């Protein structure tokens, strides 16, 4: 019976107008303030999580693009590809191999 009366008093809001009401109001204001801070913090964390996910997706795309471009560049650096491109300009590799030129040091000659 007493529990039922206590629940009815809470539902009717008698604790807000009783003798201890200022203490109850301060607690309610404090709890509301904490709830507001918690909600704001939660929204801020959610925003950061979404931003991190978007940046991770962008990093994956850029990494994929980097791998594609790097493979294209490696293909373009091959001697056969360079020869093919220069053949369009009427430039061909030399038929005779280059000759090595030996230069003797001047210090050896003076001794």
Protein backbone atom coordinates (compact mmCIF):
# COMPACT_ATOMS: atom_id res chain seq x y z
CA UNK A 1 0.00 0.00 0.00
CA UNK A 2 2.79 2.41 0.92
CA UNK A 3 4.71 1.60 -2.31
CA UNK A 4 1.57 2.26 -4.34
CA UNK A 5 1.10 5.63 -2.61
CA UNK A 6 4.78 6.51 -3.26
CA UNK A 7 4.43 5.75 -6.97
CA UNK A 8 1.22 7.81 -7.17
CA UNK A 9 2.96 10.74 -5.43
CA UNK A 10 5.79 10.61 -7.98
CA UNK A 11 3.34 10.42 -10.90
CA UNK A 12 1.34 13.37 -9.54
CA UNK A 13 4.56 15.38 -9.05
CA UNK A 14 4.13 15.98 -5.31
CA UNK A 15 7.90 15.76 -4.86
CA UNK A 16 8.21 19.01 -6.83
CA UNK A 17 6.02 21.03 -4.46
CA UNK A 18 6.81 19.43 -1.11
CA UNK A 19 9.10 20.95 1.54
CA UNK A 20 12.28 19.51 -0.06
CA UNK A 21 11.34 20.81 -3.53
CA UNK A 22 14.38 23.12 -4.06
CA UNK A 23 16.75 20.17 -3.56
CA UNK A 24 14.72 18.08 -6.00
CA UNK A 25 14.65 20.90 -8.58
CA UNK A 26 18.43 21.33 -8.37
CA UNK A 27 18.93 17.61 -8.97
CA UNK A 28 16.53 17.64 -11.93
CA UNK A 29 18.31 20.63 -13.47
CA UNK A 30 21.71 18.98 -12.89
CA UNK A 31 20.52 15.69 -14.43
CA UNK A 32 19.07 17.59 -17.43
CA UNK A 33 22.35 19.44 -17.90
CA UNK A 34 24.31 16.18 -17.84
CA UNK A 35 21.87 14.57 -20.30
CA UNK A 36 22.26 17.54 -22.66
CA UNK A 37 26.05 17.27 -22.53
CA UNK A 38 25.87 13.51 -23.12
CA UNK A 39 23.58 13.94 -26.15
CA UNK A 40 25.84 16.62 -27.61
CA UNK A 41 28.91 14.47 -27.07
CA UNK A 42 27.19 11.52 -28.74
CA UNK A 43 26.29 13.63 -31.80
CA UNK A 44 29.85 14.92 -32.01
CA UNK A 45 31.25 11.38 -31.86
CA UNK A 46 28.82 10.20 -34.57
CA UNK A 47 29.87 13.08 -36.82
CA UNK A 48 33.53 12.17 -36.37
CA UNK A 49 32.86 8.49 -37.08
CA UNK A 50 31.10 9.38 -40.34
CA UNK A 51 33.93 11.71 -41.33
CA UNK A 52 36.53 9.01 -40.60
CA UNK A 53 34.58 6.49 -42.69
CA UNK A 54 34.41 8.95 -45.61
CA UNK A 55 38.15 9.66 -45.36
CA UNK A 56 38.95 5.94 -45.25
CA UNK A 57 36.91 5.43 -48.42
CA UNK A 58 38.77 8.30 -50.08
CA UNK A 59 42.12 6.77 -49.04
CA UNK A 60 41.11 3.43 -50.59
CA UNK A 61 40.14 5.15 -53.85
CA UNK A 62 43.37 7.15 -53.98
CA UNK A 63 45.46 4.06 -53.20
CA UNK A 64 43.74 2.19 -56.03
CA UNK A 65 44.34 5.09 -58.41
CA UNK A 66 48.00 5.22 -57.32
CA UNK A 67 48.48 1.50 -58.07
CA UNK A 68 46.88 1.91 -61.51
CA UNK A 69 49.02 4.91 -62.42
CA UNK A 70 52.19 3.25 -61.10
CA UNK A 71 51.58 0.15 -63.24
CA UNK A 72 50.94 2.38 -66.29
CA UNK A 73 54.20 4.25 -65.69
CA UNK A 74 56.15 1.01 -65.28
CA UNK A 75 54.69 -0.23 -68.55
CA UNK A 76 55.67 3.04 -70.28
CA UNK A 77 59.27 2.75 -69.01
CA UNK A 78 59.84 -0.59 -70.75
CA UNK A 79 62.39 -0.47 -73.56
CA UNK A 80 59.97 -2.11 -76.00
CA UNK A 81 57.33 0.57 -75.33
CA UNK A 82 59.87 3.38 -75.72
CA UNK A 83 61.10 1.85 -78.98
CA UNK A 84 57.52 1.61 -80.22
CA UNK A 85 56.77 5.26 -79.35
CA UNK A 86 60.01 6.49 -80.96
CA UNK A 87 59.34 4.42 -84.11
CA UNK A 88 56.30 6.63 -84.69
CA UNK A 89 58.74 9.60 -84.72
CA UNK A 90 61.03 7.76 -87.19
CA UNK A 91 63.68 7.23 -84.52
CA UNK A 92 65.13 3.72 -84.26
CA UNK A 93 67.74 2.08 -82.02
CA UNK A 94 71.28 2.05 -83.32
CA UNK A 95 72.38 -1.04 -85.24
CA UNK A 96 75.95 -0.81 -83.96
CA UNK A 97 76.59 -0.96 -80.25
CA UNK A 98 78.21 2.05 -78.59
CA UNK A 99 81.99 2.13 -78.15
CA UNK A 100 83.54 2.64 -74.76
CA UNK A 101 86.00 5.52 -74.55
CA UNK A 102 88.80 5.06 -72.03
CA UNK A 103 90.40 8.21 -70.59
CA UNK A 104 93.75 7.79 -68.91
CA UNK A 105 94.39 9.80 -65.81
CA UNK A 106 96.87 12.68 -66.15
CA UNK A 107 98.45 11.76 -62.83
CA UNK A 108 99.68 8.39 -64.20
CA UNK A 109 101.27 10.03 -67.23
CA UNK A 110 103.22 12.58 -65.13
CA UNK A 111 104.83 9.93 -62.93
